[in-house]
Amino acid sequence: MLERVIQIISYQQGIDADEIKGETHLLRDLDMTSMEIMDLCCSIEEEFEIEILDEDLYKIQTVKDISDYVKDKSDDLFVSEK
């Protein structure tokens, strides 16, 4: 999951994936704008077929935060489908 999130960020930001780690901060380390973060969230939603709630956006600050969020949402989806 983390690797795929890194690939998406790498592609969108034009950054070598090797420079992106789980602890990489979207604002501080990648210098992403709020618009770029919104675009990233849309890509993540599309890629993983989840919805990132507006009230959860403030929780997403690092690459690992995104990966954890996707994993939690995917687990929730899997449980609700049973």
N, C-alpha and C. Protein backbone atom coordinates (compact mmCIF):
# COMPACT_ATOMS: atom_id res chain seq x y z
N MET A 1 0.83 -1.19 0.00
CA MET A 1 0.00 0.00 0.00
C MET A 1 0.88 1.26 0.00
N LEU A 2 1.84 1.30 0.92
CA LEU A 2 2.73 2.46 1.01
C LEU A 2 3.48 2.68 -0.30
N GLU A 3 3.93 1.60 -0.90
CA GLU A 3 4.69 1.71 -2.15
C GLU A 3 3.84 2.33 -3.26
N ARG A 4 2.57 1.92 -3.33
CA ARG A 4 1.69 2.46 -4.37
C ARG A 4 1.41 3.94 -4.12
N VAL A 5 1.21 4.33 -2.88
CA VAL A 5 1.00 5.74 -2.54
C VAL A 5 2.23 6.55 -2.94
N ILE A 6 3.40 6.02 -2.66
CA ILE A 6 4.65 6.70 -3.04
C ILE A 6 4.74 6.86 -4.55
N GLN A 7 4.35 5.83 -5.30
CA GLN A 7 4.37 5.90 -6.76
C GLN A 7 3.44 7.00 -7.28
N ILE A 8 2.27 7.10 -6.69
CA ILE A 8 1.30 8.12 -7.11
C ILE A 8 1.86 9.52 -6.84
N ILE A 9 2.42 9.72 -5.65
CA ILE A 9 3.00 11.02 -5.30
C ILE A 9 4.18 11.33 -6.22
N SER A 10 5.01 10.35 -6.44
CA SER A 10 6.18 10.52 -7.31
C SER A 10 5.75 10.98 -8.70
N TYR A 11 4.76 10.32 -9.24
CA TYR A 11 4.26 10.67 -10.58
C TYR A 11 3.67 12.08 -10.60
N GLN A 12 2.82 12.37 -9.64
CA GLN A 12 2.13 13.66 -9.63
C GLN A 12 3.07 14.83 -9.37
N GLN A 13 4.07 14.61 -8.53
CA GLN A 13 4.95 15.71 -8.14
C GLN A 13 6.25 15.74 -8.95
N GLY A 14 6.47 14.72 -9.78
CA GLY A 14 7.69 14.69 -10.58
C GLY A 14 8.94 14.52 -9.72
N ILE A 15 8.81 13.71 -8.68
CA ILE A 15 9.89 13.47 -7.73
C ILE A 15 10.28 12.00 -7.82
N ASP A 16 11.55 11.70 -7.72
CA ASP A 16 12.02 10.32 -7.69
C ASP A 16 11.41 9.61 -6.49
N ALA A 17 10.84 8.45 -6.71
CA ALA A 17 10.19 7.69 -5.64
C ALA A 17 11.15 7.37 -4.50
N ASP A 18 12.44 7.25 -4.80
CA ASP A 18 13.43 6.95 -3.76
C ASP A 18 13.57 8.09 -2.75
N GLU A 19 13.14 9.27 -3.12
CA GLU A 19 13.23 10.43 -2.23
C GLU A 19 12.02 10.54 -1.29
N ILE A 20 11.03 9.68 -1.48
CA ILE A 20 9.80 9.74 -0.70
C ILE A 20 9.76 8.55 0.25
N LYS A 21 9.56 8.84 1.50
CA LYS A 21 9.49 7.80 2.55
C LYS A 21 8.16 7.94 3.28
N GLY A 22 7.86 7.01 4.13
CA GLY A 22 6.62 7.05 4.90
C GLY A 22 6.51 8.30 5.75
N GLU A 23 7.63 8.73 6.32
CA GLU A 23 7.62 9.90 7.21
C GLU A 23 7.71 11.23 6.46
N THR A 24 7.78 11.17 5.13
CA THR A 24 7.85 12.40 4.34
C THR A 24 6.58 13.22 4.55
N HIS A 25 6.75 14.48 4.93
CA HIS A 25 5.64 15.39 5.20
C HIS A 25 5.23 16.07 3.90
N LEU A 26 3.94 16.05 3.60
CA LEU A 26 3.46 16.59 2.32
C LEU A 26 3.75 18.08 2.17
N LEU A 27 3.51 18.85 3.21
CA LEU A 27 3.72 20.30 3.13
C LEU A 27 5.18 20.68 3.33
N ARG A 28 5.75 20.19 4.40
CA ARG A 28 7.09 20.61 4.79
C ARG A 28 8.18 20.04 3.88
N ASP A 29 8.11 18.73 3.60
CA ASP A 29 9.17 18.09 2.83
C ASP A 29 8.95 18.14 1.32
N LEU A 30 7.71 18.00 0.90
CA LEU A 30 7.41 17.99 -0.54
C LEU A 30 6.95 19.35 -1.04
N ASP A 31 6.72 20.28 -0.13
CA ASP A 31 6.32 21.63 -0.49
C ASP A 31 5.05 21.65 -1.35
N MET A 32 4.12 20.73 -1.04
CA MET A 32 2.88 20.65 -1.80
C MET A 32 1.93 21.77 -1.37
N THR A 33 1.20 22.29 -2.33
CA THR A 33 0.17 23.29 -2.04
C THR A 33 -1.11 22.56 -1.63
N SER A 34 -2.04 23.29 -1.08
CA SER A 34 -3.32 22.67 -0.71
C SER A 34 -4.04 22.11 -1.94
N MET A 35 -3.90 22.78 -3.07
CA MET A 35 -4.52 22.30 -4.31
C MET A 35 -3.87 20.99 -4.76
N GLU A 36 -2.55 20.89 -4.63
CA GLU A 36 -1.86 19.66 -5.00
C GLU A 36 -2.26 18.51 -4.08
N ILE A 37 -2.47 18.81 -2.81
CA ILE A 37 -2.90 17.78 -1.87
C ILE A 37 -4.32 17.33 -2.22
N MET A 38 -5.17 18.25 -2.60
CA MET A 38 -6.53 17.89 -3.03
C MET A 38 -6.48 17.00 -4.27
N ASP A 39 -5.64 17.35 -5.23
CA ASP A 39 -5.47 16.53 -6.43
C ASP A 39 -4.97 15.14 -6.07
N LEU A 40 -4.03 15.09 -5.14
CA LEU A 40 -3.49 13.81 -4.69
C LEU A 40 -4.60 12.98 -4.05
N CYS A 41 -5.40 13.59 -3.22
CA CYS A 41 -6.51 12.88 -2.57
C CYS A 41 -7.49 12.32 -3.60
N CYS A 42 -7.76 13.08 -4.64
CA CYS A 42 -8.64 12.60 -5.70
C CYS A 42 -8.02 11.38 -6.40
N SER A 43 -6.74 11.43 -6.65
CA SER A 43 -6.05 10.30 -7.28
C SER A 43 -6.07 9.07 -6.37
N ILE A 44 -5.87 9.30 -5.08
CA ILE A 44 -5.89 8.20 -4.11
C ILE A 44 -7.29 7.59 -4.05
N GLU A 45 -8.31 8.44 -4.03
CA GLU A 45 -9.68 7.94 -4.00
C GLU A 45 -9.97 7.09 -5.23
N GLU A 46 -9.55 7.56 -6.37
CA GLU A 46 -9.78 6.83 -7.62
C GLU A 46 -9.00 5.52 -7.66
N GLU A 47 -7.74 5.57 -7.28
CA GLU A 47 -6.88 4.38 -7.33
C GLU A 47 -7.36 3.27 -6.40
N PHE A 48 -7.76 3.65 -5.19
CA PHE A 48 -8.11 2.66 -4.18
C PHE A 48 -9.62 2.50 -3.98
N GLU A 49 -10.40 3.24 -4.78
CA GLU A 49 -11.86 3.16 -4.73
C GLU A 49 -12.39 3.38 -3.31
N ILE A 50 -11.92 4.48 -2.72
CA ILE A 50 -12.36 4.89 -1.39
C ILE A 50 -12.79 6.34 -1.45
N GLU A 51 -13.36 6.83 -0.37
CA GLU A 51 -13.68 8.25 -0.25
C GLU A 51 -12.93 8.81 0.95
N ILE A 52 -12.20 9.89 0.72
CA ILE A 52 -11.53 10.58 1.81
C ILE A 52 -12.46 11.69 2.27
N LEU A 53 -12.94 11.58 3.48
CA LEU A 53 -13.89 12.55 4.00
C LEU A 53 -13.21 13.89 4.25
N ASP A 54 -13.92 14.95 4.00
CA ASP A 54 -13.37 16.30 4.21
C ASP A 54 -12.85 16.48 5.63
N GLU A 55 -13.60 15.95 6.59
CA GLU A 55 -13.18 16.13 7.98
C GLU A 55 -11.94 15.31 8.33
N ASP A 56 -11.55 14.39 7.46
CA ASP A 56 -10.34 13.59 7.69
C ASP A 56 -9.10 14.17 7.02
N LEU A 57 -9.28 15.15 6.17
CA LEU A 57 -8.14 15.72 5.44
C LEU A 57 -7.06 16.28 6.37
N TYR A 58 -7.47 16.88 7.47
CA TYR A 58 -6.49 17.47 8.39
C TYR A 58 -5.59 16.41 9.02
N LYS A 59 -6.04 15.16 9.05
CA LYS A 59 -5.26 14.07 9.63
C LYS A 59 -4.12 13.63 8.70
N ILE A 60 -4.24 13.95 7.43
CA ILE A 60 -3.28 13.49 6.44
C ILE A 60 -2.16 14.51 6.29
N GLN A 61 -1.02 14.18 6.87
CA GLN A 61 0.12 15.09 6.81
C GLN A 61 1.36 14.44 6.22
N THR A 62 1.47 13.13 6.39
CA THR A 62 2.64 12.43 5.86
C THR A 62 2.19 11.36 4.86
N VAL A 63 3.15 10.82 4.15
CA VAL A 63 2.86 9.76 3.19
C VAL A 63 2.29 8.54 3.93
N LYS A 64 2.83 8.23 5.09
CA LYS A 64 2.33 7.10 5.88
C LYS A 64 0.89 7.35 6.34
N ASP A 65 0.56 8.59 6.64
CA ASP A 65 -0.82 8.92 7.01
C ASP A 65 -1.78 8.53 5.89
N ILE A 66 -1.38 8.81 4.66
CA ILE A 66 -2.23 8.44 3.51
C ILE A 66 -2.36 6.93 3.43
N SER A 67 -1.24 6.24 3.50
CA SER A 67 -1.23 4.79 3.42
C SER A 67 -2.09 4.16 4.51
N ASP A 68 -1.94 4.64 5.74
CA ASP A 68 -2.73 4.14 6.86
C ASP A 68 -4.22 4.41 6.66
N TYR A 69 -4.53 5.59 6.15
CA TYR A 69 -5.93 5.96 5.91
C TYR A 69 -6.55 5.02 4.88
N VAL A 70 -5.81 4.80 3.79
CA VAL A 70 -6.30 3.92 2.73
C VAL A 70 -6.50 2.50 3.29
N LYS A 71 -5.55 2.03 4.06
CA LYS A 71 -5.65 0.69 4.64
C LYS A 71 -6.88 0.60 5.54
N ASP A 72 -7.09 1.59 6.39
CA ASP A 72 -8.25 1.59 7.28
C ASP A 72 -9.56 1.60 6.48
N LYS A 73 -9.61 2.44 5.47
CA LYS A 73 -10.82 2.52 4.64
C LYS A 73 -11.05 1.24 3.87
N SER A 74 -9.98 0.64 3.38
CA SER A 74 -10.08 -0.62 2.64
C SER A 74 -10.56 -1.74 3.57
N ASP A 75 -10.03 -1.75 4.79
CA ASP A 75 -10.47 -2.74 5.78
C ASP A 75 -11.95 -2.55 6.11
N ASP A 76 -12.37 -1.30 6.26
CA ASP A 76 -13.78 -1.00 6.54
C ASP A 76 -14.66 -1.49 5.39
N LEU A 77 -14.21 -1.26 4.17
CA LEU A 77 -14.97 -1.68 2.99
C LEU A 77 -15.08 -3.19 2.94
N PHE A 78 -13.98 -3.87 3.23
CA PHE A 78 -13.96 -5.32 3.20
C PHE A 78 -14.91 -5.89 4.26
N VAL A 79 -14.90 -5.32 5.45
CA VAL A 79 -15.76 -5.78 6.52
C VAL A 79 -17.22 -5.54 6.19
N SER A 80 -17.53 -4.38 5.60
CA SER A 80 -18.93 -4.06 5.30
C SER A 80 -19.48 -4.89 4.15
N GLU A 81 -18.60 -5.47 3.32
CA GLU A 81 -19.06 -6.29 2.20
C GLU A 81 -19.41 -7.71 2.64
N LYS A 82 -18.98 -8.11 3.83
CA LYS A 82 -19.26 -9.48 4.30
C LYS A 82 -20.69 -9.65 4.72
